[in-house]
Amino acid sequence: MFLAEVPTYRCRFVEASPDGSVPWERIASAGLADVVSGGRPVLATSVQACWTAADLRFRFECEDDHVVATMPGHDDPIYEEDVVEVFLDETGGGTEYYELEVSPRNVVFDAMIRNNRQGAKEIDLAWHPVGMTTSVTDIGDGTTVYEIRLPLNNFKRMPAEGSVWRWNAYRIDEDRQGIRHYSAWSPTGAVNYHIPQRFGVLAFVQDMD
């Protein structure tokens, strides 16, 4: 089983290139684990995060041998199929956080979640981050890359050196037998991603050591 402590990810500041790209090769990656046990998942998934003067960026690299993605519309319940997900909690209170999902078809689900931390939650589908862009790229060898660019002006607090938010990164993947596999950067101990007590730490840093 996983440890009771939650992990920390050092989210580094980087300068974006004129074309908007960021140097992912300089950004540390973190692996996802089985959401319940914390053990090795069937298919590997890694996540990276960084921030620029204008944006918060996320990148998933997913081993994938079978894609289940039929839904075409924004805010369709794509979590019923294959997705990667990011949950972001600016204040760390666990009662209000953002949920972002991207499917292999580059369909997006975004919502504001209000959670009483006792199992009840409200999903506000009216929240849409302004200027967010996403991409999905098959880079070969059974690997798919997802990228999310989220402008910082969508948040109430601007990150700075020493800022600490809470977050988690997830994946849902259905195999050829129809079995759904759930993985997380910070395992929750249940097939339930909405356990804010298990969100890890997103620590903003400006050094590039």
C-alpha atoms as a PDB file:
ATOM      1  CA  MET A   1       0.000   0.000   0.000  1.00  0.00           C
ATOM      2  CA  PHE A   2       1.050   3.615  -0.534  1.00  0.00           C
ATOM      3  CA  LEU A   3       2.378   5.801   2.264  1.00  0.00           C
ATOM      4  CA  ALA A   4       0.034   8.105   4.171  1.00  0.00           C
ATOM      5  CA  GLU A   5       2.089  11.159   3.205  1.00  0.00           C
ATOM      6  CA  VAL A   6       1.218  12.903  -0.033  1.00  0.00           C
ATOM      7  CA  PRO A   7       3.929  13.589  -2.623  1.00  0.00           C
ATOM      8  CA  THR A   8       5.323  16.952  -3.709  1.00  0.00           C
ATOM      9  CA  TYR A   9       5.999  18.001  -7.301  1.00  0.00           C
ATOM     10  CA  ARG A  10       8.374  20.909  -7.920  1.00  0.00           C
ATOM     11  CA  CYS A  11       6.687  22.935 -10.649  1.00  0.00           C
ATOM     12  CA  ARG A  12       9.503  24.876 -12.295  1.00  0.00           C
ATOM     13  CA  PHE A  13       9.346  28.262 -13.986  1.00  0.00           C
ATOM     14  CA  VAL A  14      10.563  28.231 -17.586  1.00  0.00           C
ATOM     15  CA  GLU A  15      10.732  30.745 -20.401  1.00  0.00           C
ATOM     16  CA  ALA A  16       8.459  29.906 -23.300  1.00  0.00           C
ATOM     17  CA  SER A  17       9.963  30.056 -26.795  1.00  0.00           C
ATOM     18  CA  PRO A  18       8.622  32.566 -29.346  1.00  0.00           C
ATOM     19  CA  ASP A  19       6.496  29.768 -30.811  1.00  0.00           C
ATOM     20  CA  GLY A  20       4.992  29.105 -27.371  1.00  0.00           C
ATOM     21  CA  SER A  21       6.759  25.811 -26.737  1.00  0.00           C
ATOM     22  CA  VAL A  22       8.468  24.980 -23.455  1.00  0.00           C
ATOM     23  CA  PRO A  23      11.571  22.813 -22.833  1.00  0.00           C
ATOM     24  CA  TRP A  24       9.897  19.654 -21.579  1.00  0.00           C
ATOM     25  CA  GLU A  25      13.230  17.837 -21.775  1.00  0.00           C
ATOM     26  CA  ARG A  26      14.354  19.976 -18.811  1.00  0.00           C
ATOM     27  CA  ILE A  27      11.252  19.248 -16.712  1.00  0.00           C
ATOM     28  CA  ALA A  28      11.090  16.327 -14.292  1.00  0.00           C
ATOM     29  CA  SER A  29       8.469  13.671 -14.961  1.00  0.00           C
ATOM     30  CA  ALA A  30       6.524  11.748 -12.336  1.00  0.00           C
ATOM     31  CA  GLY A  31       4.937   8.354 -12.852  1.00  0.00           C
ATOM     32  CA  LEU A  32       1.329   7.486 -12.124  1.00  0.00           C
ATOM     33  CA  ALA A  33       0.471   4.438 -10.021  1.00  0.00           C
ATOM     34  CA  ASP A  34      -2.590   2.270  -9.480  1.00  0.00           C
ATOM     35  CA  VAL A  35      -5.104   4.538  -7.775  1.00  0.00           C
ATOM     36  CA  VAL A  36      -6.034   2.008  -5.075  1.00  0.00           C
ATOM     37  CA  SER A  37      -2.852   0.095  -4.251  1.00  0.00           C
ATOM     38  CA  GLY A  38      -0.157   2.514  -5.374  1.00  0.00           C
ATOM     39  CA  GLY A  39       1.384  -0.334  -7.345  1.00  0.00           C
ATOM     40  CA  ARG A  40       2.602  -0.479 -10.923  1.00  0.00           C
ATOM     41  CA  PRO A  41      -0.200   0.158 -13.439  1.00  0.00           C
ATOM     42  CA  VAL A  42      -0.820  -2.064 -16.456  1.00  0.00           C
ATOM     43  CA  LEU A  43       0.230   0.739 -18.820  1.00  0.00           C
ATOM     44  CA  ALA A  44       2.806   3.393 -17.938  1.00  0.00           C
ATOM     45  CA  THR A  45       1.823   7.052 -17.608  1.00  0.00           C
ATOM     46  CA  SER A  46       4.031  10.003 -16.684  1.00  0.00           C
ATOM     47  CA  VAL A  47       3.113  13.623 -16.026  1.00  0.00           C
ATOM     48  CA  GLN A  48       5.121  16.857 -16.111  1.00  0.00           C
ATOM     49  CA  ALA A  49       4.193  20.373 -15.018  1.00  0.00           C
ATOM     50  CA  CYS A  50       5.806  23.799 -15.377  1.00  0.00           C
ATOM     51  CA  TRP A  51       4.811  27.457 -15.428  1.00  0.00           C
ATOM     52  CA  THR A  52       5.719  30.466 -17.518  1.00  0.00           C
ATOM     53  CA  ALA A  53       4.981  34.156 -17.099  1.00  0.00           C
ATOM     54  CA  ALA A  54       1.600  33.570 -18.712  1.00  0.00           C
ATOM     55  CA  ASP A  55       0.604  29.921 -18.355  1.00  0.00           C
ATOM     56  CA  LEU A  56       0.531  26.767 -16.319  1.00  0.00           C
ATOM     57  CA  ARG A  57       1.473  23.765 -18.484  1.00  0.00           C
ATOM     58  CA  PHE A  58       0.907  20.026 -18.117  1.00  0.00           C
ATOM     59  CA  ARG A  59       2.141  17.142 -20.252  1.00  0.00           C
ATOM     60  CA  PHE A  60       1.144  13.481 -20.038  1.00  0.00           C
ATOM     61  CA  GLU A  61       3.002  10.704 -21.825  1.00  0.00           C
ATOM     62  CA  CYS A  62       0.873   7.569 -21.994  1.00  0.00           C
ATOM     63  CA  GLU A  63       1.629   4.061 -23.090  1.00  0.00           C
ATOM     64  CA  ASP A  64      -1.515   3.006 -24.967  1.00  0.00           C
ATOM     65  CA  ASP A  65      -2.407  -0.095 -26.960  1.00  0.00           C
ATOM     66  CA  HIS A  66      -6.173   0.397 -27.248  1.00  0.00           C
ATOM     67  CA  VAL A  67      -8.126   3.651 -27.496  1.00  0.00           C
ATOM     68  CA  VAL A  68     -11.712   4.101 -26.346  1.00  0.00           C
ATOM     69  CA  ALA A  69     -12.908   7.594 -27.268  1.00  0.00           C
ATOM     70  CA  THR A  70     -16.217   8.161 -29.054  1.00  0.00           C
ATOM     71  CA  MET A  71     -17.608  11.330 -27.483  1.00  0.00           C
ATOM     72  CA  PRO A  72     -17.250  14.496 -29.606  1.00  0.00           C
ATOM     73  CA  GLY A  73     -18.628  17.324 -27.487  1.00  0.00           C
ATOM     74  CA  HIS A  74     -17.157  19.707 -24.931  1.00  0.00           C
ATOM     75  CA  ASP A  75     -18.158  18.622 -21.412  1.00  0.00           C
ATOM     76  CA  ASP A  76     -19.466  15.280 -22.639  1.00  0.00           C
ATOM     77  CA  PRO A  77     -18.912  12.661 -19.888  1.00  0.00           C
ATOM     78  CA  ILE A  78     -15.593  11.647 -21.388  1.00  0.00           C
ATOM     79  CA  TYR A  79     -14.558  10.205 -17.996  1.00  0.00           C
ATOM     80  CA  GLU A  80     -16.668   7.192 -19.006  1.00  0.00           C
ATOM     81  CA  GLU A  81     -13.994   6.429 -21.624  1.00  0.00           C
ATOM     82  CA  ASP A  82     -10.219   7.009 -21.891  1.00  0.00           C
ATOM     83  CA  VAL A  83      -8.984  10.309 -20.419  1.00  0.00           C
ATOM     84  CA  VAL A  84      -6.158  12.069 -18.644  1.00  0.00           C
ATOM     85  CA  GLU A  85      -7.136  14.433 -15.850  1.00  0.00           C
ATOM     86  CA  VAL A  86      -5.712  17.260 -13.742  1.00  0.00           C
ATOM     87  CA  PHE A  87      -7.330  18.511 -10.531  1.00  0.00           C
ATOM     88  CA  LEU A  88      -6.092  21.894  -9.239  1.00  0.00           C
ATOM     89  CA  ASP A  89      -6.775  23.416  -5.821  1.00  0.00           C
ATOM     90  CA  GLU A  90      -5.379  26.945  -5.458  1.00  0.00           C
ATOM     91  CA  THR A  91      -6.091  27.367  -1.757  1.00  0.00           C
ATOM     92  CA  GLY A  92      -5.418  23.842  -0.558  1.00  0.00           C
ATOM     93  CA  GLY A  93      -8.668  23.716   1.388  1.00  0.00           C
ATOM     94  CA  GLY A  94     -10.049  20.824  -0.621  1.00  0.00           C
ATOM     95  CA  THR A  95     -13.527  22.337  -0.842  1.00  0.00           C
ATOM     96  CA  GLU A  96     -13.219  24.025  -4.240  1.00  0.00           C
ATOM     97  CA  TYR A  97     -11.004  22.918  -7.102  1.00  0.00           C
ATOM     98  CA  TYR A  98     -10.812  22.755 -10.892  1.00  0.00           C
ATOM     99  CA  GLU A  99     -11.175  19.544 -12.886  1.00  0.00           C
ATOM    100  CA  LEU A 100      -9.684  19.318 -16.384  1.00  0.00           C
ATOM    101  CA  GLU A 101      -9.917  16.255 -18.625  1.00  0.00           C
ATOM    102  CA  VAL A 102      -8.718  15.521 -22.156  1.00  0.00           C
ATOM    103  CA  SER A 103      -9.677  12.500 -24.250  1.00  0.00           C
ATOM    104  CA  PRO A 104      -7.613  10.846 -27.005  1.00  0.00           C
ATOM    105  CA  ARG A 105      -9.814  12.764 -29.474  1.00  0.00           C
ATOM    106  CA  ASN A 106      -8.722  16.030 -27.808  1.00  0.00           C
ATOM    107  CA  VAL A 107     -12.206  16.554 -26.401  1.00  0.00           C
ATOM    108  CA  VAL A 108     -12.200  18.588 -23.175  1.00  0.00           C
ATOM    109  CA  PHE A 109     -14.241  18.356 -19.991  1.00  0.00           C
ATOM    110  CA  ASP A 110     -13.753  21.240 -17.544  1.00  0.00           C
ATOM    111  CA  ALA A 111     -15.599  22.013 -14.339  1.00  0.00           C
ATOM    112  CA  MET A 112     -15.427  23.714 -10.975  1.00  0.00           C
ATOM    113  CA  ILE A 113     -15.924  21.220  -8.148  1.00  0.00           C
ATOM    114  CA  ARG A 114     -17.300  22.058  -4.721  1.00  0.00           C
ATOM    115  CA  ASN A 115     -16.626  19.264  -2.270  1.00  0.00           C
ATOM    116  CA  ASN A 116     -17.665  19.033   1.370  1.00  0.00           C
ATOM    117  CA  ARG A 117     -14.755  16.600   1.967  1.00  0.00           C
ATOM    118  CA  GLN A 118     -17.258  14.020   3.278  1.00  0.00           C
ATOM    119  CA  GLY A 119     -18.257  12.511  -0.058  1.00  0.00           C
ATOM    120  CA  ALA A 120     -20.758  15.038  -1.401  1.00  0.00           C
ATOM    121  CA  LYS A 121     -19.812  17.291  -4.303  1.00  0.00           C
ATOM    122  CA  GLU A 122     -21.310  19.734  -6.791  1.00  0.00           C
ATOM    123  CA  ILE A 123     -20.049  19.904 -10.374  1.00  0.00           C
ATOM    124  CA  ASP A 124     -20.277  23.331 -12.009  1.00  0.00           C
ATOM    125  CA  LEU A 125     -20.050  22.809 -15.768  1.00  0.00           C
ATOM    126  CA  ALA A 126     -20.464  26.535 -16.417  1.00  0.00           C
ATOM    127  CA  TRP A 127     -16.798  27.098 -15.566  1.00  0.00           C
ATOM    128  CA  HIS A 128     -14.587  27.173 -18.659  1.00  0.00           C
ATOM    129  CA  PRO A 129     -10.967  28.390 -18.474  1.00  0.00           C
ATOM    130  CA  VAL A 130     -10.463  31.264 -20.887  1.00  0.00           C
ATOM    131  CA  GLY A 131      -7.776  30.680 -23.489  1.00  0.00           C
ATOM    132  CA  MET A 132      -6.968  27.113 -22.508  1.00  0.00           C
ATOM    133  CA  THR A 133      -5.497  25.009 -25.317  1.00  0.00           C
ATOM    134  CA  THR A 134      -4.916  21.266 -25.472  1.00  0.00           C
ATOM    135  CA  SER A 135      -3.306  18.860 -27.905  1.00  0.00           C
ATOM    136  CA  VAL A 136      -3.047  15.111 -28.348  1.00  0.00           C
ATOM    137  CA  THR A 137      -0.195  13.612 -30.378  1.00  0.00           C
ATOM    138  CA  ASP A 138       0.612  10.028 -31.279  1.00  0.00           C
ATOM    139  CA  ILE A 139       4.417   9.956 -31.191  1.00  0.00           C
ATOM    140  CA  GLY A 140       4.705   6.321 -32.238  1.00  0.00           C
ATOM    141  CA  ASP A 141       5.678   3.116 -30.434  1.00  0.00           C
ATOM    142  CA  GLY A 142       2.257   3.015 -28.791  1.00  0.00           C
ATOM    143  CA  THR A 143       2.804   6.317 -26.985  1.00  0.00           C
ATOM    144  CA  THR A 144       0.379   9.243 -26.853  1.00  0.00           C
ATOM    145  CA  VAL A 145       1.278  12.708 -25.559  1.00  0.00           C
ATOM    146  CA  TYR A 146      -1.305  15.111 -24.122  1.00  0.00           C
ATOM    147  CA  GLU A 147      -0.520  18.769 -23.450  1.00  0.00           C
ATOM    148  CA  ILE A 148      -2.569  21.377 -21.585  1.00  0.00           C
ATOM    149  CA  ARG A 149      -1.820  25.105 -21.588  1.00  0.00           C
ATOM    150  CA  LEU A 150      -3.810  26.987 -18.964  1.00  0.00           C
ATOM    151  CA  PRO A 151      -3.470  30.799 -18.836  1.00  0.00           C
ATOM    152  CA  LEU A 152      -2.731  32.046 -15.329  1.00  0.00           C
ATOM    153  CA  ASN A 153      -5.407  34.737 -15.544  1.00  0.00           C
ATOM    154  CA  ASN A 154      -7.981  31.992 -14.928  1.00  0.00           C
ATOM    155  CA  PHE A 155      -6.841  31.736 -11.320  1.00  0.00           C
ATOM    156  CA  LYS A 156      -7.569  33.891  -8.292  1.00  0.00           C
ATOM    157  CA  ARG A 157      -3.955  33.715  -7.133  1.00  0.00           C
ATOM    158  CA  MET A 158      -0.910  34.130  -9.329  1.00  0.00           C
ATOM    159  CA  PRO A 159       1.840  31.619  -8.593  1.00  0.00           C
ATOM    160  CA  ALA A 160       5.246  32.853  -7.497  1.00  0.00           C
ATOM    161  CA  GLU A 161       8.416  31.377  -6.051  1.00  0.00           C
ATOM    162  CA  GLY A 162       7.349  29.574  -2.884  1.00  0.00           C
ATOM    163  CA  SER A 163       3.644  29.340  -3.750  1.00  0.00           C
ATOM    164  CA  VAL A 164       2.056  26.029  -2.817  1.00  0.00           C
ATOM    165  CA  TRP A 165      -1.128  24.629  -4.337  1.00  0.00           C
ATOM    166  CA  ARG A 166      -2.642  21.152  -4.091  1.00  0.00           C
ATOM    167  CA  TRP A 167      -3.227  18.978  -7.150  1.00  0.00           C
ATOM    168  CA  ASN A 168      -3.462  15.510  -8.569  1.00  0.00           C
ATOM    169  CA  ALA A 169      -3.051  13.910 -11.985  1.00  0.00           C
ATOM    170  CA  TYR A 170      -5.047  10.908 -13.151  1.00  0.00           C
ATOM    171  CA  ARG A 171      -5.676   8.572 -16.045  1.00  0.00           C
ATOM    172  CA  ILE A 172      -8.551   6.277 -16.966  1.00  0.00           C
ATOM    173  CA  ASP A 173      -7.838   3.619 -19.595  1.00  0.00           C
ATOM    174  CA  GLU A 174     -10.047   0.801 -20.871  1.00  0.00           C
ATOM    175  CA  ASP A 175      -8.336  -2.326 -22.184  1.00  0.00           C
ATOM    176  CA  ARG A 176      -9.379  -4.646 -24.998  1.00  0.00           C
ATOM    177  CA  GLN A 177     -11.384  -6.792 -22.580  1.00  0.00           C
ATOM    178  CA  GLY A 178     -13.440  -3.786 -21.458  1.00  0.00           C
ATOM    179  CA  ILE A 179     -11.738  -3.568 -18.066  1.00  0.00           C
ATOM    180  CA  ARG A 180     -11.158   0.003 -16.894  1.00  0.00           C
ATOM    181  CA  HIS A 181      -7.845   0.850 -15.240  1.00  0.00           C
ATOM    182  CA  TYR A 182      -7.431   3.853 -12.934  1.00  0.00           C
ATOM    183  CA  SER A 183      -4.103   5.481 -12.100  1.00  0.00           C
ATOM    184  CA  ALA A 184      -3.041   8.541 -10.142  1.00  0.00           C
ATOM    185  CA  TRP A 185       0.066  10.540  -9.298  1.00  0.00           C
ATOM    186  CA  SER A 186      -1.040  10.570  -5.648  1.00  0.00           C
ATOM    187  CA  PRO A 187      -3.090   7.370  -5.122  1.00  0.00           C
ATOM    188  CA  THR A 188      -6.363   7.883  -3.274  1.00  0.00           C
ATOM    189  CA  GLY A 189      -6.874   4.354  -1.948  1.00  0.00           C
ATOM    190  CA  ALA A 190     -10.198   4.010  -3.799  1.00  0.00           C
ATOM    191  CA  VAL A 191     -11.593   4.174  -7.320  1.00  0.00           C
ATOM    192  CA  ASN A 192     -12.514   7.763  -6.576  1.00  0.00           C
ATOM    193  CA  TYR A 193     -10.521  10.760  -7.737  1.00  0.00           C
ATOM    194  CA  HIS A 194     -12.483  13.261  -5.652  1.00  0.00           C
ATOM    195  CA  ILE A 195     -10.630  12.717  -2.383  1.00  0.00           C
ATOM    196  CA  PRO A 196      -8.929  16.105  -1.827  1.00  0.00           C
ATOM    197  CA  GLN A 197      -7.251  14.853   1.321  1.00  0.00           C
ATOM    198  CA  ARG A 198      -5.061  12.796  -1.037  1.00  0.00           C
ATOM    199  CA  PHE A 199      -4.156  15.662  -3.379  1.00  0.00           C
ATOM    200  CA  GLY A 200      -0.409  16.118  -3.522  1.00  0.00           C
ATOM    201  CA  VAL A 201       1.568  19.363  -3.307  1.00  0.00           C
ATOM    202  CA  LEU A 202       2.348  21.559  -6.319  1.00  0.00           C
ATOM    203  CA  ALA A 203       5.309  23.675  -5.203  1.00  0.00           C
ATOM    204  CA  PHE A 204       6.202  26.585  -7.544  1.00  0.00           C
ATOM    205  CA  VAL A 205       9.935  27.188  -7.929  1.00  0.00           C
ATOM    206  CA  GLN A 206      11.995  29.427 -10.181  1.00  0.00           C
ATOM    207  CA  ASP A 207      15.364  27.672 -10.077  1.00  0.00           C
ATOM    208  CA  MET A 208      16.355  25.278 -12.867  1.00  0.00           C
ATOM    209  CA  ASP A 209      18.905  23.138 -11.023  1.00  0.00           C
END
